Amino acid sequence: MELAFRVALILVGSYLVGAIPFSLLVGKLFYKVDLRLQGSGNLGATNVYRVFGWKAGLSVAILDIAKGSAAVGLAALLTPAEFVSLQQDWLLIVAAMAAVAGHSYSPYIRFKGGKGVATAAGALLFVTPMAWMFLLVTFVSVSLITRYVSLGSICAAVLYPILVTMFYRDRPAVIVAGFAIAAVVLWRHRTNIVRLYRGEESKIRFKKPSSPKEDS
């Protein structure tokens, strides 16, 4: 019973840490604006960038990455000593998914939120650090070249299970999670995929903020 309670506490803690709506807080504290009523209405770093500029967007991206890493770091710190490596892997992975779920469905703001890409990136930095740099380079390169942040996220999601299969073949839980996480990210971006196909997706602008239809 004590073990089950501890695991539940870890997962609830990860969810609540991931649920902190930094994009909304930055908008309200520093700009007196509710981001949900601006741009795409999405509570993510891309919408922050488009509405408030690159400094705010970068700050929120770093905060969202940090909370993802913090949630999984907390889970690792509190992992029961009797857990073997496979059990710990599963606990950290579920904690990572709980953090992303918290960002996407935050109880602090009536279970609304963003798409969780930056939060997932922070969690994956802790769980699969060897794959992380490849994901970052892919995301940044595709986003800058095409000016579609959503496409950068989609390409990174597709690459992730390939990378974990290459680098973590001795950790089956991580491989299974790699495919599951990729599927979730693609599902969350399904409307972006449709707009990309139709040529209707909004491109990121480097000079002036704009109001997109929807972003990552």
N, C-alpha and C. Protein backbone atom coordinates (compact mmCIF):
# COMPACT_ATOMS: atom_id res chain seq x y z
N MET A 1 0.83 -1.21 0.00
CA MET A 1 0.00 0.00 0.00
C MET A 1 0.86 1.26 0.00
N GLU A 2 1.92 1.21 0.81
CA GLU A 2 2.82 2.37 0.88
C GLU A 2 3.51 2.62 -0.46
N LEU A 3 3.90 1.54 -1.13
CA LEU A 3 4.56 1.65 -2.44
C LEU A 3 3.60 2.24 -3.46
N ALA A 4 2.37 1.76 -3.48
CA ALA A 4 1.37 2.27 -4.43
C ALA A 4 1.10 3.74 -4.17
N PHE A 5 1.03 4.13 -2.91
CA PHE A 5 0.79 5.53 -2.56
C PHE A 5 1.95 6.40 -3.04
N ARG A 6 3.16 5.91 -2.88
CA ARG A 6 4.34 6.67 -3.29
C ARG A 6 4.37 6.87 -4.80
N VAL A 7 4.07 5.81 -5.54
CA VAL A 7 4.04 5.91 -7.00
C VAL A 7 2.95 6.88 -7.44
N ALA A 8 1.77 6.78 -6.81
CA ALA A 8 0.68 7.69 -7.14
C ALA A 8 1.07 9.13 -6.85
N LEU A 9 1.75 9.34 -5.73
CA LEU A 9 2.20 10.68 -5.36
C LEU A 9 3.17 11.24 -6.40
N ILE A 10 4.08 10.39 -6.88
CA ILE A 10 5.05 10.80 -7.90
C ILE A 10 4.33 11.24 -9.18
N LEU A 11 3.36 10.44 -9.61
CA LEU A 11 2.66 10.74 -10.86
C LEU A 11 1.78 11.99 -10.73
N VAL A 12 1.11 12.14 -9.60
CA VAL A 12 0.31 13.35 -9.39
C VAL A 12 1.20 14.57 -9.33
N GLY A 13 2.35 14.43 -8.66
CA GLY A 13 3.29 15.54 -8.59
C GLY A 13 3.82 15.94 -9.96
N SER A 14 4.13 14.94 -10.79
CA SER A 14 4.61 15.21 -12.15
C SER A 14 3.53 15.93 -12.97
N TYR A 15 2.30 15.47 -12.81
CA TYR A 15 1.18 16.08 -13.52
C TYR A 15 1.00 17.55 -13.11
N LEU A 16 1.07 17.82 -11.82
CA LEU A 16 0.85 19.19 -11.32
C LEU A 16 2.01 20.12 -11.69
N VAL A 17 3.22 19.59 -11.71
CA VAL A 17 4.37 20.40 -12.15
C VAL A 17 4.23 20.73 -13.63
N GLY A 18 3.90 19.72 -14.43
CA GLY A 18 3.73 19.94 -15.87
C GLY A 18 2.57 20.87 -16.18
N ALA A 19 1.61 20.98 -15.27
CA ALA A 19 0.41 21.77 -15.51
C ALA A 19 0.60 23.27 -15.31
N ILE A 20 1.73 23.67 -14.76
CA ILE A 20 1.95 25.11 -14.51
C ILE A 20 1.91 25.86 -15.84
N PRO A 21 0.96 26.77 -16.04
CA PRO A 21 0.78 27.45 -17.33
C PRO A 21 1.68 28.69 -17.48
N PHE A 22 2.96 28.45 -17.73
CA PHE A 22 3.91 29.56 -17.78
C PHE A 22 3.56 30.58 -18.87
N SER A 23 3.06 30.11 -20.00
CA SER A 23 2.71 31.05 -21.08
C SER A 23 1.61 31.99 -20.64
N LEU A 24 0.63 31.49 -19.93
CA LEU A 24 -0.47 32.33 -19.43
C LEU A 24 0.04 33.28 -18.36
N LEU A 25 0.89 32.78 -17.49
CA LEU A 25 1.43 33.61 -16.40
C LEU A 25 2.29 34.75 -16.94
N VAL A 26 3.15 34.44 -17.91
CA VAL A 26 4.00 35.47 -18.51
C VAL A 26 3.15 36.55 -19.17
N GLY A 27 2.12 36.13 -19.91
CA GLY A 27 1.24 37.09 -20.57
C GLY A 27 0.54 38.00 -19.58
N LYS A 28 0.02 37.42 -18.49
CA LYS A 28 -0.74 38.21 -17.54
C LYS A 28 0.15 39.07 -16.65
N LEU A 29 1.29 38.52 -16.22
CA LEU A 29 2.16 39.26 -15.31
C LEU A 29 2.93 40.38 -15.98
N PHE A 30 3.41 40.13 -17.20
CA PHE A 30 4.30 41.10 -17.84
C PHE A 30 3.62 41.92 -18.93
N TYR A 31 2.51 41.43 -19.48
CA TYR A 31 1.86 42.15 -20.57
C TYR A 31 0.40 42.47 -20.29
N LYS A 32 -0.10 41.99 -19.14
CA LYS A 32 -1.50 42.22 -18.76
C LYS A 32 -2.46 41.73 -19.84
N VAL A 33 -2.10 40.61 -20.47
CA VAL A 33 -2.88 40.06 -21.58
C VAL A 33 -3.15 38.58 -21.31
N ASP A 34 -4.35 38.13 -21.59
CA ASP A 34 -4.70 36.72 -21.51
C ASP A 34 -4.38 36.08 -22.86
N LEU A 35 -3.35 35.25 -22.89
CA LEU A 35 -2.90 34.66 -24.16
C LEU A 35 -3.98 33.81 -24.82
N ARG A 36 -4.91 33.33 -24.03
CA ARG A 36 -5.99 32.50 -24.59
C ARG A 36 -6.89 33.30 -25.53
N LEU A 37 -6.79 34.62 -25.43
CA LEU A 37 -7.62 35.50 -26.27
C LEU A 37 -6.82 36.16 -27.38
N GLN A 38 -5.56 35.73 -27.53
CA GLN A 38 -4.67 36.34 -28.53
C GLN A 38 -4.11 35.29 -29.48
N GLY A 39 -3.81 35.71 -30.71
CA GLY A 39 -3.21 34.80 -31.67
C GLY A 39 -4.08 33.59 -31.89
N SER A 40 -3.47 32.41 -31.75
CA SER A 40 -4.21 31.17 -31.92
C SER A 40 -4.98 30.77 -30.68
N GLY A 41 -4.68 31.44 -29.55
CA GLY A 41 -5.29 31.06 -28.29
C GLY A 41 -4.59 29.88 -27.64
N ASN A 42 -3.59 29.30 -28.32
CA ASN A 42 -2.86 28.16 -27.80
C ASN A 42 -1.87 28.60 -26.73
N LEU A 43 -1.81 27.86 -25.63
CA LEU A 43 -0.90 28.20 -24.54
C LEU A 43 0.43 27.50 -24.72
N GLY A 44 1.15 27.92 -25.75
CA GLY A 44 2.47 27.36 -26.04
C GLY A 44 3.45 28.46 -26.37
N ALA A 45 4.73 28.11 -26.41
CA ALA A 45 5.78 29.10 -26.64
C ALA A 45 5.68 29.76 -28.02
N THR A 46 5.18 29.03 -29.01
CA THR A 46 5.08 29.61 -30.35
C THR A 46 4.07 30.75 -30.38
N ASN A 47 2.93 30.55 -29.76
CA ASN A 47 1.93 31.62 -29.71
C ASN A 47 2.44 32.80 -28.88
N VAL A 48 3.20 32.52 -27.83
CA VAL A 48 3.82 33.59 -27.04
C VAL A 48 4.75 34.41 -27.92
N TYR A 49 5.55 33.72 -28.72
CA TYR A 49 6.48 34.42 -29.63
C TYR A 49 5.72 35.29 -30.63
N ARG A 50 4.69 34.74 -31.21
CA ARG A 50 3.94 35.48 -32.22
C ARG A 50 3.24 36.70 -31.64
N VAL A 51 2.78 36.59 -30.40
CA VAL A 51 2.01 37.68 -29.79
C VAL A 51 2.91 38.69 -29.07
N PHE A 52 3.90 38.19 -28.32
CA PHE A 52 4.70 39.08 -27.47
C PHE A 52 6.14 39.29 -27.94
N GLY A 53 6.62 38.46 -28.88
CA GLY A 53 7.99 38.63 -29.35
C GLY A 53 8.90 37.50 -28.90
N TRP A 54 10.14 37.54 -29.42
CA TRP A 54 11.05 36.41 -29.24
C TRP A 54 11.54 36.24 -27.81
N LYS A 55 11.72 37.36 -27.07
CA LYS A 55 12.20 37.24 -25.69
C LYS A 55 11.21 36.48 -24.82
N ALA A 56 9.94 36.85 -24.94
CA ALA A 56 8.91 36.17 -24.16
C ALA A 56 8.76 34.72 -24.62
N GLY A 57 8.81 34.51 -25.95
CA GLY A 57 8.67 33.16 -26.49
C GLY A 57 9.79 32.25 -26.02
N LEU A 58 11.04 32.76 -26.05
CA LEU A 58 12.18 31.97 -25.61
C LEU A 58 12.10 31.68 -24.12
N SER A 59 11.68 32.67 -23.34
CA SER A 59 11.56 32.49 -21.90
C SER A 59 10.55 31.40 -21.56
N VAL A 60 9.41 31.43 -22.23
CA VAL A 60 8.37 30.43 -21.97
C VAL A 60 8.84 29.04 -22.42
N ALA A 61 9.53 28.99 -23.57
CA ALA A 61 10.04 27.69 -24.05
C ALA A 61 11.00 27.09 -23.02
N ILE A 62 11.89 27.91 -22.48
CA ILE A 62 12.85 27.42 -21.47
C ILE A 62 12.13 26.97 -20.21
N LEU A 63 11.14 27.74 -19.78
CA LEU A 63 10.38 27.38 -18.58
C LEU A 63 9.60 26.08 -18.78
N ASP A 64 9.02 25.90 -19.97
CA ASP A 64 8.27 24.68 -20.25
C ASP A 64 9.20 23.47 -20.34
N ILE A 65 10.37 23.66 -20.93
CA ILE A 65 11.36 22.58 -20.98
C ILE A 65 11.81 22.23 -19.56
N ALA A 66 12.05 23.28 -18.76
CA ALA A 66 12.51 23.07 -17.39
C ALA A 66 11.49 22.31 -16.55
N LYS A 67 10.21 22.63 -16.73
CA LYS A 67 9.21 21.94 -15.90
C LYS A 67 9.08 20.47 -16.31
N GLY A 68 9.29 20.17 -17.60
CA GLY A 68 9.29 18.78 -18.03
C GLY A 68 10.43 17.99 -17.39
N SER A 69 11.63 18.60 -17.39
CA SER A 69 12.79 17.95 -16.77
C SER A 69 12.61 17.84 -15.26
N ALA A 70 12.04 18.89 -14.65
CA ALA A 70 11.84 18.89 -13.20
C ALA A 70 10.86 17.79 -12.78
N ALA A 71 9.81 17.61 -13.56
CA ALA A 71 8.81 16.59 -13.23
C ALA A 71 9.44 15.20 -13.24
N VAL A 72 10.24 14.91 -14.26
CA VAL A 72 10.87 13.59 -14.36
C VAL A 72 12.01 13.47 -13.35
N GLY A 73 12.71 14.57 -13.11
CA GLY A 73 13.76 14.56 -12.10
C GLY A 73 13.21 14.26 -10.72
N LEU A 74 12.06 14.83 -10.43
CA LEU A 74 11.39 14.57 -9.15
C LEU A 74 11.02 13.09 -9.05
N ALA A 75 10.52 12.54 -10.14
CA ALA A 75 10.16 11.12 -10.16
C ALA A 75 11.39 10.24 -9.92
N ALA A 76 12.52 10.60 -10.54
CA ALA A 76 13.75 9.82 -10.37
C ALA A 76 14.24 9.90 -8.92
N LEU A 77 14.12 11.09 -8.34
CA LEU A 77 14.58 11.29 -6.96
C LEU A 77 13.75 10.47 -5.97
N LEU A 78 12.46 10.34 -6.26
CA LEU A 78 11.55 9.66 -5.34
C LEU A 78 11.29 8.19 -5.70
N THR A 79 11.96 7.69 -6.75
CA THR A 79 11.76 6.30 -7.16
C THR A 79 12.10 5.35 -6.01
N PRO A 80 11.21 4.44 -5.68
CA PRO A 80 11.48 3.48 -4.60
C PRO A 80 12.78 2.72 -4.83
N ALA A 81 13.56 2.52 -3.78
CA ALA A 81 14.86 1.88 -3.89
C ALA A 81 14.76 0.45 -4.39
N GLU A 82 13.62 -0.20 -4.14
CA GLU A 82 13.48 -1.60 -4.53
C GLU A 82 13.17 -1.78 -6.01
N PHE A 83 12.95 -0.70 -6.74
CA PHE A 83 12.65 -0.80 -8.17
C PHE A 83 13.90 -1.22 -8.95
N VAL A 84 13.73 -2.18 -9.86
CA VAL A 84 14.81 -2.54 -10.78
C VAL A 84 14.81 -1.53 -11.92
N SER A 85 15.81 -1.61 -12.79
CA SER A 85 15.97 -0.61 -13.84
C SER A 85 14.75 -0.53 -14.77
N LEU A 86 14.16 -1.68 -15.11
CA LEU A 86 13.00 -1.67 -15.99
C LEU A 86 11.82 -0.96 -15.33
N GLN A 87 11.61 -1.22 -14.05
CA GLN A 87 10.53 -0.56 -13.33
C GLN A 87 10.77 0.94 -13.25
N GLN A 88 12.01 1.33 -13.01
CA GLN A 88 12.32 2.76 -12.95
C GLN A 88 12.09 3.43 -14.30
N ASP A 89 12.48 2.75 -15.38
CA ASP A 89 12.24 3.30 -16.71
C ASP A 89 10.75 3.57 -16.93
N TRP A 90 9.93 2.58 -16.57
CA TRP A 90 8.49 2.76 -16.77
C TRP A 90 7.95 3.90 -15.91
N LEU A 91 8.44 4.01 -14.68
CA LEU A 91 7.98 5.09 -13.80
C LEU A 91 8.35 6.45 -14.36
N LEU A 92 9.58 6.60 -14.85
CA LEU A 92 10.01 7.88 -15.40
C LEU A 92 9.24 8.22 -16.68
N ILE A 93 8.97 7.21 -17.48
CA ILE A 93 8.22 7.44 -18.73
C ILE A 93 6.80 7.87 -18.43
N VAL A 94 6.15 7.17 -17.49
CA VAL A 94 4.78 7.55 -17.14
C VAL A 94 4.76 8.93 -16.50
N ALA A 95 5.79 9.25 -15.71
CA ALA A 95 5.89 10.58 -15.11
C ALA A 95 6.04 11.64 -16.21
N ALA A 96 6.82 11.33 -17.24
CA ALA A 96 6.99 12.26 -18.36
C ALA A 96 5.66 12.49 -19.06
N MET A 97 4.93 11.42 -19.28
CA MET A 97 3.63 11.54 -19.95
C MET A 97 2.62 12.29 -19.06
N ALA A 98 2.74 12.11 -17.76
CA ALA A 98 1.88 12.84 -16.83
C ALA A 98 2.16 14.33 -16.90
N ALA A 99 3.45 14.70 -17.01
CA ALA A 99 3.82 16.11 -17.11
C ALA A 99 3.27 16.73 -18.39
N VAL A 100 3.38 16.01 -19.49
CA VAL A 100 2.85 16.50 -20.77
C VAL A 100 1.33 16.61 -20.70
N ALA A 101 0.69 15.63 -20.09
CA ALA A 101 -0.77 15.68 -19.92
C ALA A 101 -1.16 16.89 -19.08
N GLY A 102 -0.34 17.18 -18.07
CA GLY A 102 -0.61 18.36 -17.24
C GLY A 102 -0.54 19.64 -18.04
N HIS A 103 0.44 19.74 -18.92
CA HIS A 103 0.56 20.93 -19.76
C HIS A 103 -0.62 21.06 -20.71
N SER A 104 -1.04 19.95 -21.28
CA SER A 104 -2.12 19.98 -22.26
C SER A 104 -3.50 20.12 -21.63
N TYR A 105 -3.63 19.58 -20.42
CA TYR A 105 -4.94 19.61 -19.74
C TYR A 105 -4.72 20.06 -18.30
N SER A 106 -4.39 21.33 -18.14
CA SER A 106 -4.02 21.86 -16.83
C SER A 106 -5.23 22.08 -15.92
N PRO A 107 -5.20 21.51 -14.71
CA PRO A 107 -6.30 21.73 -13.77
C PRO A 107 -6.36 23.16 -13.26
N TYR A 108 -5.26 23.90 -13.43
CA TYR A 108 -5.23 25.29 -12.98
C TYR A 108 -6.07 26.20 -13.89
N ILE A 109 -6.31 25.77 -15.12
CA ILE A 109 -7.04 26.60 -16.08
C ILE A 109 -8.14 25.79 -16.77
N ARG A 110 -8.91 25.07 -15.94
CA ARG A 110 -10.07 24.32 -16.41
C ARG A 110 -9.72 23.27 -17.47
N PHE A 111 -8.58 22.64 -17.26
CA PHE A 111 -8.13 21.52 -18.10
C PHE A 111 -7.94 21.92 -19.56
N LYS A 112 -7.47 23.14 -19.77
CA LYS A 112 -7.04 23.60 -21.09
C LYS A 112 -5.52 23.66 -21.09
N GLY A 113 -4.93 23.90 -22.27
CA GLY A 113 -3.48 24.02 -22.31
C GLY A 113 -2.94 23.99 -23.71
N GLY A 114 -1.63 23.77 -23.81
CA GLY A 114 -0.97 23.73 -25.11
C GLY A 114 -0.76 22.31 -25.59
N LYS A 115 0.10 22.16 -26.58
CA LYS A 115 0.31 20.84 -27.20
C LYS A 115 1.42 20.04 -26.52
N GLY A 116 2.19 20.67 -25.66
CA GLY A 116 3.13 19.93 -24.83
C GLY A 116 4.46 19.59 -25.45
N VAL A 117 4.81 20.21 -26.58
CA VAL A 117 6.07 19.85 -27.24
C VAL A 117 7.28 20.23 -26.39
N ALA A 118 7.31 21.46 -25.87
CA ALA A 118 8.45 21.89 -25.06
C ALA A 118 8.53 21.11 -23.75
N THR A 119 7.38 20.85 -23.14
CA THR A 119 7.37 20.06 -21.90
C THR A 119 7.86 18.65 -22.15
N ALA A 120 7.43 18.06 -23.26
CA ALA A 120 7.91 16.72 -23.64
C ALA A 120 9.41 16.74 -23.89
N ALA A 121 9.89 17.81 -24.52
CA ALA A 121 11.33 17.93 -24.80
C ALA A 121 12.12 17.93 -23.50
N GLY A 122 11.62 18.66 -22.50
CA GLY A 122 12.31 18.69 -21.21
C GLY A 122 12.32 17.33 -20.54
N ALA A 123 11.20 16.62 -20.61
CA ALA A 123 11.12 15.29 -20.02
C ALA A 123 12.05 14.32 -20.73
N LEU A 124 12.09 14.40 -22.06
CA LEU A 124 12.93 13.49 -22.84
C LEU A 124 14.41 13.79 -22.65
N LEU A 125 14.73 15.05 -22.35
CA LEU A 125 16.12 15.40 -22.06
C LEU A 125 16.62 14.59 -20.87
N PHE A 126 15.75 14.37 -19.92
CA PHE A 126 16.12 13.60 -18.72
C PHE A 126 16.12 12.10 -18.99
N VAL A 127 15.12 11.62 -19.73
CA VAL A 127 14.95 10.18 -19.93
C VAL A 127 15.89 9.64 -21.01
N THR A 128 16.01 10.35 -22.14
CA THR A 128 16.82 9.87 -23.27
C THR A 128 17.75 10.98 -23.76
N PRO A 129 18.75 11.35 -22.96
CA PRO A 129 19.62 12.46 -23.33
C PRO A 129 20.40 12.26 -24.63
N MET A 130 20.72 11.01 -24.98
CA MET A 130 21.50 10.77 -26.20
C MET A 130 20.70 11.12 -27.45
N ALA A 131 19.40 10.99 -27.39
CA ALA A 131 18.57 11.30 -28.55
C ALA A 131 18.20 12.78 -28.61
N TRP A 132 18.34 13.48 -27.49
CA TRP A 132 17.79 14.82 -27.37
C TRP A 132 18.41 15.82 -28.34
N MET A 133 19.74 15.79 -28.46
CA MET A 133 20.40 16.77 -29.32
C MET A 133 19.99 16.61 -30.78
N PHE A 134 19.81 15.37 -31.22
CA PHE A 134 19.36 15.12 -32.59
C PHE A 134 17.94 15.69 -32.80
N LEU A 135 17.11 15.53 -31.78
CA LEU A 135 15.75 16.08 -31.87
C LEU A 135 15.77 17.60 -31.93
N LEU A 136 16.63 18.20 -31.10
CA LEU A 136 16.72 19.66 -31.08
C LEU A 136 17.19 20.20 -32.42
N VAL A 137 18.24 19.59 -32.97
CA VAL A 137 18.77 20.04 -34.27
C VAL A 137 17.71 19.88 -35.36
N THR A 138 17.00 18.77 -35.33
CA THR A 138 15.94 18.53 -36.33
C THR A 138 14.84 19.57 -36.21
N PHE A 139 14.36 19.78 -34.98
CA PHE A 139 13.28 20.74 -34.76
C PHE A 139 13.67 22.15 -35.20
N VAL A 140 14.84 22.60 -34.76
CA VAL A 140 15.28 23.96 -35.08
C VAL A 140 15.53 24.12 -36.57
N SER A 141 16.21 23.14 -37.18
CA SER A 141 16.54 23.23 -38.61
C SER A 141 15.28 23.27 -39.47
N VAL A 142 14.37 22.34 -39.23
CA VAL A 142 13.14 22.29 -40.04
C VAL A 142 12.30 23.55 -39.82
N SER A 143 12.20 24.00 -38.58
CA SER A 143 11.40 25.19 -38.28
C SER A 143 11.97 26.44 -38.95
N LEU A 144 13.30 26.58 -38.90
CA LEU A 144 13.92 27.77 -39.50
C LEU A 144 13.88 27.73 -41.03
N ILE A 145 14.12 26.56 -41.60
CA ILE A 145 14.15 26.44 -43.06
C ILE A 145 12.77 26.62 -43.67
N THR A 146 11.78 25.96 -43.08
CA THR A 146 10.43 26.01 -43.64
C THR A 146 9.57 27.11 -43.05
N ARG A 147 9.95 27.59 -41.87
CA ARG A 147 9.19 28.57 -41.09
C ARG A 147 7.86 28.00 -40.59
N TYR A 148 7.79 26.68 -40.53
CA TYR A 148 6.64 26.00 -39.93
C TYR A 148 7.11 25.32 -38.64
N VAL A 149 6.77 25.89 -37.50
CA VAL A 149 7.15 25.28 -36.23
C VAL A 149 6.46 23.94 -36.06
N SER A 150 5.23 23.85 -36.53
CA SER A 150 4.50 22.59 -36.42
C SER A 150 5.20 21.48 -37.19
N LEU A 151 5.76 21.80 -38.35
CA LEU A 151 6.47 20.79 -39.15
C LEU A 151 7.74 20.35 -38.43
N GLY A 152 8.42 21.29 -37.76
CA GLY A 152 9.58 20.93 -36.96
C GLY A 152 9.23 19.94 -35.87
N SER A 153 8.10 20.18 -35.21
CA SER A 153 7.64 19.28 -34.15
C SER A 153 7.28 17.91 -34.70
N ILE A 154 6.62 17.90 -35.84
CA ILE A 154 6.19 16.64 -36.46
C ILE A 154 7.41 15.82 -36.88
N CYS A 155 8.40 16.47 -37.50
CA CYS A 155 9.60 15.74 -37.94
C CYS A 155 10.37 15.18 -36.75
N ALA A 156 10.46 15.95 -35.67
CA ALA A 156 11.15 15.47 -34.47
C ALA A 156 10.41 14.27 -33.88
N ALA A 157 9.08 14.32 -33.90
CA ALA A 157 8.28 13.21 -33.37
C ALA A 157 8.51 11.94 -34.18
N VAL A 158 8.57 12.06 -35.49
CA VAL A 158 8.79 10.89 -36.35
C VAL A 158 10.19 10.31 -36.12
N LEU A 159 11.16 11.19 -35.89
CA LEU A 159 12.54 10.74 -35.70
C LEU A 159 12.77 10.08 -34.35
N TYR A 160 12.00 10.49 -33.33
CA TYR A 160 12.27 10.04 -31.97
C TYR A 160 12.27 8.51 -31.79
N PRO A 161 11.26 7.78 -32.24
CA PRO A 161 11.30 6.32 -32.04
C PRO A 161 12.47 5.65 -32.77
N ILE A 162 12.90 6.24 -33.88
CA ILE A 162 14.06 5.70 -34.59
C ILE A 162 15.31 5.86 -33.74
N LEU A 163 15.46 7.03 -33.12
CA LEU A 163 16.63 7.31 -32.29
C LEU A 163 16.67 6.43 -31.05
N VAL A 164 15.53 6.26 -30.38
CA VAL A 164 15.55 5.46 -29.16
C VAL A 164 15.81 3.98 -29.48
N THR A 165 15.35 3.55 -30.65
CA THR A 165 15.63 2.17 -31.06
C THR A 165 17.13 1.97 -31.30
N MET A 166 17.79 3.01 -31.82
CA MET A 166 19.22 2.95 -32.07
C MET A 166 20.05 3.04 -30.78
N PHE A 167 19.70 3.99 -29.92
CA PHE A 167 20.52 4.29 -28.75
C PHE A 167 20.15 3.51 -27.49
N TYR A 168 18.90 3.05 -27.41
CA TYR A 168 18.44 2.43 -26.16
C TYR A 168 17.81 1.06 -26.42
N ARG A 169 18.45 0.27 -27.26
CA ARG A 169 17.89 -1.03 -27.65
C ARG A 169 17.83 -2.00 -26.48
N ASP A 170 18.59 -1.74 -25.40
CA ASP A 170 18.56 -2.60 -24.23
C ASP A 170 17.54 -2.14 -23.18
N ARG A 171 16.73 -1.13 -23.55
CA ARG A 171 15.72 -0.61 -22.62
C ARG A 171 14.35 -0.65 -23.31
N PRO A 172 13.69 -1.81 -23.27
CA PRO A 172 12.43 -1.98 -24.01
C PRO A 172 11.35 -0.98 -23.62
N ALA A 173 11.31 -0.58 -22.36
CA ALA A 173 10.30 0.38 -21.93
C ALA A 173 10.47 1.70 -22.66
N VAL A 174 11.71 2.12 -22.85
CA VAL A 174 12.01 3.39 -23.53
C VAL A 174 11.62 3.30 -25.00
N ILE A 175 11.85 2.15 -25.62
CA ILE A 175 11.50 1.97 -27.03
C ILE A 175 9.98 2.04 -27.22
N VAL A 176 9.25 1.32 -26.38
CA VAL A 176 7.78 1.36 -26.46
C VAL A 176 7.28 2.79 -26.25
N ALA A 177 7.86 3.46 -25.27
CA ALA A 177 7.45 4.84 -24.99
C ALA A 177 7.78 5.76 -26.16
N GLY A 178 8.89 5.50 -26.84
CA GLY A 178 9.27 6.33 -27.98
C GLY A 178 8.20 6.34 -29.06
N PHE A 179 7.68 5.18 -29.36
CA PHE A 179 6.61 5.08 -30.36
C PHE A 179 5.31 5.70 -29.85
N ALA A 180 5.03 5.49 -28.56
CA ALA A 180 3.80 6.04 -27.98
C ALA A 180 3.83 7.57 -27.97
N ILE A 181 4.97 8.13 -27.58
CA ILE A 181 5.11 9.59 -27.53
C ILE A 181 5.00 10.19 -28.92
N ALA A 182 5.63 9.54 -29.90
CA ALA A 182 5.54 10.02 -31.28
C ALA A 182 4.08 10.03 -31.75
N ALA A 183 3.34 8.98 -31.41
CA ALA A 183 1.94 8.88 -31.82
C ALA A 183 1.11 9.99 -31.19
N VAL A 184 1.38 10.28 -29.91
CA VAL A 184 0.63 11.34 -29.22
C VAL A 184 0.91 12.70 -29.85
N VAL A 185 2.19 12.98 -30.12
CA VAL A 185 2.55 14.28 -30.72
C VAL A 185 1.90 14.43 -32.09
N LEU A 186 1.92 13.37 -32.88
CA LEU A 186 1.30 13.44 -34.21
C LEU A 186 -0.21 13.64 -34.09
N TRP A 187 -0.82 12.99 -33.14
CA TRP A 187 -2.27 13.15 -32.94
C TRP A 187 -2.60 14.58 -32.52
N ARG A 188 -1.78 15.14 -31.63
CA ARG A 188 -2.01 16.52 -31.17
C ARG A 188 -1.81 17.52 -32.31
N HIS A 189 -1.06 17.12 -33.34
CA HIS A 189 -0.80 18.00 -34.47
C HIS A 189 -1.61 17.63 -35.71
N ARG A 190 -2.67 16.86 -35.51
CA ARG A 190 -3.43 16.38 -36.67
C ARG A 190 -4.02 17.53 -37.48
N THR A 191 -4.48 18.59 -36.81
CA THR A 191 -5.04 19.72 -37.57
C THR A 191 -3.94 20.47 -38.32
N ASN A 192 -2.75 20.54 -37.71
CA ASN A 192 -1.62 21.17 -38.40
C ASN A 192 -1.24 20.39 -39.65
N ILE A 193 -1.28 19.06 -39.54
CA ILE A 193 -0.93 18.21 -40.69
C ILE A 193 -1.90 18.46 -41.84
N VAL A 194 -3.19 18.58 -41.51
CA VAL A 194 -4.19 18.86 -42.55
C VAL A 194 -3.91 20.20 -43.20
N ARG A 195 -3.61 21.22 -42.39
CA ARG A 195 -3.35 22.55 -42.95
C ARG A 195 -2.06 22.59 -43.76
N LEU A 196 -1.06 21.84 -43.32
CA LEU A 196 0.19 21.76 -44.10
C LEU A 196 -0.08 21.14 -45.46
N TYR A 197 -0.87 20.11 -45.49
CA TYR A 197 -1.22 19.44 -46.74
C TYR A 197 -1.97 20.38 -47.68
N ARG A 198 -2.83 21.21 -47.11
CA ARG A 198 -3.63 22.13 -47.91
C ARG A 198 -2.91 23.43 -48.22
N GLY A 199 -1.72 23.62 -47.62
CA GLY A 199 -0.99 24.87 -47.81
C GLY A 199 -1.59 26.03 -47.04
N GLU A 200 -2.30 25.74 -45.95
CA GLU A 200 -2.99 26.77 -45.18
C GLU A 200 -2.33 27.03 -43.83
N GLU A 201 -1.26 26.32 -43.50
CA GLU A 201 -0.61 26.50 -42.21
C GLU A 201 0.09 27.86 -42.14
N SER A 202 0.01 28.51 -40.99
CA SER A 202 0.65 29.82 -40.80
C SER A 202 2.15 29.65 -40.58
N LYS A 203 2.92 30.46 -41.29
CA LYS A 203 4.37 30.43 -41.12
C LYS A 203 4.77 31.40 -40.01
N ILE A 204 5.87 31.05 -39.34
CA ILE A 204 6.38 31.94 -38.30
C ILE A 204 7.08 33.12 -38.97
N ARG A 205 6.89 34.29 -38.40
CA ARG A 205 7.52 35.50 -38.95
C ARG A 205 8.62 35.93 -38.00
N PHE A 206 9.79 36.30 -38.57
CA PHE A 206 10.93 36.66 -37.74
C PHE A 206 11.02 38.16 -37.46
N LYS A 207 10.20 38.93 -38.13
CA LYS A 207 10.28 40.37 -37.93
C LYS A 207 9.14 40.91 -37.08
N LYS A 208 7.95 40.49 -37.39
CA LYS A 208 6.77 41.02 -36.73
C LYS A 208 5.89 39.90 -36.21
N PRO A 209 5.35 40.01 -34.95
CA PRO A 209 4.41 39.03 -34.48
C PRO A 209 3.12 39.08 -35.29
N SER A 210 2.46 37.96 -35.41
CA SER A 210 1.18 37.92 -36.12
C SER A 210 0.21 37.05 -35.37
N SER A 211 -0.99 36.91 -35.90
CA SER A 211 -2.02 36.08 -35.25
C SER A 211 -2.32 34.87 -36.09
N PRO A 212 -1.70 33.71 -35.77
CA PRO A 212 -1.91 32.51 -36.56
C PRO A 212 -3.22 31.85 -36.24
N LYS A 213 -3.56 30.90 -37.09
CA LYS A 213 -4.77 30.12 -36.83
C LYS A 213 -4.52 29.14 -35.68
N GLU A 214 -3.41 28.49 -35.73
CA GLU A 214 -3.07 27.53 -34.68
C GLU A 214 -1.60 27.18 -34.82
N ASP A 215 -0.95 26.86 -33.73
CA ASP A 215 0.46 26.55 -33.79
C ASP A 215 0.81 25.38 -32.90
N SER A 216 2.16 25.18 -32.68
CA SER A 216 2.60 24.04 -31.88
C SER A 216 2.81 24.43 -30.45
